[in-house]
Amino acid sequence: MTRFFDVLLSILGLSLGLPLLLVLFALGLLDTGSPLFRQIRVGRDRRLFVLLKFRTMRPDTAHVATHLADASAVTRWGAFLRRAKLDELPQLWNVLKGEMSLVGPRPCLPAQTELINERERRGVFYARPGVTGLAQVRGIDMSDPARLAEVDAQMLRELSAGAYFRYIFLTALGRGAGDRVRKKSG
């Protein structure tokens, strides 16, 4: 059921949003010279895939989980993209390819072994990772692996067509903290 909606909505988003995607790409070129961010993430059945996003941090920023990155690495343009949730738009390509769903657990980095173990223990990897989900609308980030894995498992157990569209709607309205960067101390 959700795969049908994923394909339909990603095709609509990519085709209708193409002018916006091109403008954001061009503005990203002006901001960092490298508007697309590619990163290896852990997907369904723990298979690795390349996640696409619009770049929100300087290109020389270390490839770590967002909550571990220094907040000063986020560019002014990147901060706008994050607030407007426009940085996620290229993931529609990941959704169309079947690597992701619009709704599911946020894909983690291969180095996030604690989160991977917690998700494995709860059977979360049977599902495609998502652009948004229950953890995102509740503002739970990857800094609390056990809690995140439990909320991911709960979402997957209770996922219905209504919940699928509710998470998308709440995310579009700006609900939740997503993967926001916190200022590192020290």
Protein backbone atom coordinates (compact mmCIF):
# COMPACT_ATOMS: atom_id res chain seq x y z
CA MET A 1 0.00 0.00 0.00
CA THR A 2 2.62 2.57 1.03
CA ARG A 3 4.86 1.73 -1.95
CA PHE A 4 2.05 2.75 -4.32
CA PHE A 5 1.72 6.11 -2.53
CA ASP A 6 5.51 6.49 -2.42
CA VAL A 7 5.85 6.04 -6.18
CA LEU A 8 2.86 8.23 -7.01
CA LEU A 9 3.84 11.07 -4.67
CA SER A 10 7.53 11.00 -5.57
CA ILE A 11 6.73 11.16 -9.30
CA LEU A 12 4.33 14.05 -8.66
CA GLY A 13 6.84 15.80 -6.39
CA LEU A 14 9.74 15.42 -8.79
CA SER A 15 7.78 16.43 -11.90
CA LEU A 16 5.78 19.30 -10.43
CA GLY A 17 8.67 20.41 -8.23
CA LEU A 18 11.30 20.38 -10.99
CA PRO A 19 11.40 24.20 -11.36
CA LEU A 20 11.83 24.59 -7.59
CA LEU A 21 14.49 21.86 -7.50
CA LEU A 22 16.44 23.63 -10.25
CA VAL A 23 16.24 27.00 -8.44
CA LEU A 24 17.37 25.42 -5.16
CA PHE A 25 20.20 23.65 -6.98
CA ALA A 26 21.37 26.93 -8.57
CA LEU A 27 21.20 28.80 -5.25
CA GLY A 28 23.11 25.97 -3.61
CA LEU A 29 25.83 26.36 -6.23
CA LEU A 30 26.16 29.99 -5.21
CA ASP A 31 26.18 29.08 -1.50
CA THR A 32 28.70 26.23 -1.33
CA GLY A 33 29.64 25.39 -4.93
CA SER A 34 28.38 21.87 -4.22
CA PRO A 35 24.58 21.90 -3.81
CA LEU A 36 23.95 18.16 -3.50
CA PHE A 37 24.98 16.17 -0.46
CA ARG A 38 25.47 12.44 -0.87
CA GLN A 39 26.02 10.13 2.08
CA ILE A 40 26.04 6.37 2.60
CA ARG A 41 23.15 5.32 4.85
CA VAL A 42 21.76 2.05 6.17
CA GLY A 43 18.54 1.01 4.47
CA ARG A 44 16.06 -1.83 4.40
CA ASP A 45 17.55 -5.17 5.43
CA ARG A 46 20.68 -3.19 6.45
CA ARG A 47 21.65 -2.65 2.81
CA LEU A 48 23.69 0.47 2.19
CA PHE A 49 22.51 3.16 -0.22
CA VAL A 50 23.44 6.71 -1.17
CA LEU A 51 21.07 9.27 0.37
CA LEU A 52 20.61 12.57 -1.50
CA LYS A 53 19.89 15.94 0.10
CA PHE A 54 20.52 19.56 -0.64
CA ARG A 55 23.70 20.58 1.14
CA THR A 56 23.10 22.61 4.31
CA MET A 57 26.64 22.57 5.73
CA ARG A 58 30.00 23.64 4.40
CA PRO A 59 31.49 20.97 2.09
CA ASP A 60 34.48 20.43 4.43
CA THR A 61 32.24 19.37 7.35
CA ALA A 62 32.98 15.90 8.74
CA HIS A 63 30.52 13.15 7.73
CA VAL A 64 29.04 12.47 11.15
CA ALA A 65 25.52 12.19 12.48
CA THR A 66 23.90 15.63 12.32
CA HIS A 67 23.46 15.88 16.09
CA LEU A 68 27.26 15.47 16.43
CA ALA A 69 28.16 18.16 13.90
CA ASP A 70 29.05 21.68 14.96
CA ALA A 71 26.11 24.04 14.43
CA SER A 72 28.47 26.66 12.97
CA ALA A 73 28.99 24.38 9.94
CA VAL A 74 25.45 25.14 8.76
CA THR A 75 25.41 27.91 6.16
CA ARG A 76 22.80 30.67 6.22
CA TRP A 77 21.24 29.19 3.07
CA GLY A 78 21.40 25.74 4.68
CA ALA A 79 19.60 27.02 7.78
CA PHE A 80 16.79 28.29 5.56
CA LEU A 81 16.60 24.98 3.69
CA ARG A 82 16.35 23.11 6.98
CA ARG A 83 13.68 25.38 8.45
CA ALA A 84 11.62 25.05 5.28
CA LYS A 85 12.44 21.30 5.07
CA LEU A 86 13.51 21.85 1.46
CA ASP A 87 16.85 20.10 2.02
CA GLU A 88 14.98 16.79 1.96
CA LEU A 89 13.46 17.20 -1.55
CA PRO A 90 16.19 15.26 -3.41
CA GLN A 91 15.24 12.22 -1.32
CA LEU A 92 12.20 11.92 -3.56
CA TRP A 93 14.66 10.28 -5.98
CA ASN A 94 15.62 7.76 -3.25
CA VAL A 95 11.90 7.11 -2.71
CA LEU A 96 11.23 6.60 -6.42
CA LYS A 97 14.17 4.17 -6.67
CA GLY A 98 12.72 2.12 -3.78
CA GLU A 99 15.60 2.81 -1.39
CA MET A 100 13.35 4.86 0.88
CA SER A 101 9.71 5.50 1.66
CA LEU A 102 8.14 8.87 2.37
CA VAL A 103 7.31 7.53 5.84
CA GLY A 104 9.60 5.29 7.84
CA PRO A 105 12.54 5.34 10.25
CA ARG A 106 15.17 7.93 9.27
CA PRO A 107 18.14 6.13 7.71
CA CYS A 108 21.23 6.11 9.90
CA LEU A 109 24.93 6.11 9.15
CA PRO A 110 26.84 2.80 9.10
CA ALA A 111 28.97 4.10 12.00
CA GLN A 112 25.91 4.49 14.27
CA THR A 113 26.33 0.97 15.62
CA GLU A 114 24.32 1.54 18.80
CA LEU A 115 21.29 2.68 16.80
CA ILE A 116 21.76 -0.15 14.28
CA ASN A 117 21.85 -2.69 17.11
CA GLU A 118 18.75 -1.20 18.78
CA ARG A 119 16.85 -1.21 15.48
CA GLU A 120 17.98 -4.75 14.67
CA ARG A 121 16.77 -5.92 18.08
CA ARG A 122 13.33 -4.39 17.42
CA GLY A 123 12.99 -5.60 13.81
CA VAL A 124 13.00 -2.09 12.32
CA PHE A 125 15.19 -2.99 9.33
CA TYR A 126 12.42 -4.94 7.60
CA ALA A 127 10.99 -1.60 6.45
CA ARG A 128 12.33 0.98 4.05
CA PRO A 129 13.77 4.02 5.82
CA GLY A 130 11.74 7.18 5.43
CA VAL A 131 11.97 10.89 4.80
CA THR A 132 9.75 11.43 7.85
CA GLY A 133 7.94 9.49 10.52
CA LEU A 134 6.71 9.43 14.08
CA ALA A 135 10.14 10.22 15.57
CA GLN A 136 10.47 13.30 13.37
CA VAL A 137 7.07 14.74 14.24
CA ARG A 138 7.82 14.10 17.92
CA GLY A 139 11.21 15.80 17.61
CA ILE A 140 13.29 12.72 18.54
CA ASP A 141 16.70 12.77 16.91
CA MET A 142 19.43 10.16 16.62
CA SER A 143 21.16 11.20 19.85
CA ASP A 144 18.97 8.75 21.86
CA PRO A 145 19.32 5.43 19.97
CA ALA A 146 17.19 3.23 22.25
CA ARG A 147 14.30 5.69 22.39
CA LEU A 148 14.49 6.35 18.64
CA ALA A 149 14.49 2.63 17.81
CA GLU A 150 11.49 2.05 20.10
CA VAL A 151 9.51 4.89 18.51
CA ASP A 152 10.47 3.60 15.03
CA ALA A 153 9.21 0.12 15.94
CA GLN A 154 5.99 1.57 17.37
CA MET A 155 5.41 3.58 14.18
CA LEU A 156 5.91 0.52 11.99
CA ARG A 157 3.53 -1.58 14.12
CA GLU A 158 0.81 1.09 13.93
CA LEU A 159 1.39 2.41 10.40
CA SER A 160 -1.82 2.82 8.41
CA ALA A 161 -2.73 4.88 5.36
CA GLY A 162 -4.09 7.57 7.68
CA ALA A 163 -0.91 7.68 9.76
CA TYR A 164 1.22 7.74 6.59
CA PHE A 165 -0.51 10.89 5.35
CA ARG A 166 -0.67 12.42 8.84
CA TYR A 167 3.14 12.19 9.25
CA ILE A 168 3.66 13.77 5.81
CA PHE A 169 1.16 16.53 6.61
CA LEU A 170 2.66 17.28 10.04
CA THR A 171 6.16 17.36 8.58
CA ALA A 172 5.05 19.75 5.82
CA LEU A 173 3.62 22.01 8.52
CA GLY A 174 7.02 22.07 10.24
CA ARG A 175 6.18 19.84 13.20
CA GLY A 176 9.11 18.23 15.00
CA ALA A 177 12.79 18.87 15.29
CA GLY A 178 13.95 16.32 12.73
CA ASP A 179 17.74 15.95 12.68
CA ARG A 180 18.64 19.46 13.81
CA VAL A 181 22.20 20.29 14.70
CA ARG A 182 22.98 21.11 18.29
CA LYS A 183 25.85 23.32 19.35
CA LYS A 184 28.75 21.14 20.51
CA SER A 185 30.03 21.94 23.93
CA GLY A 186 33.75 22.01 24.56
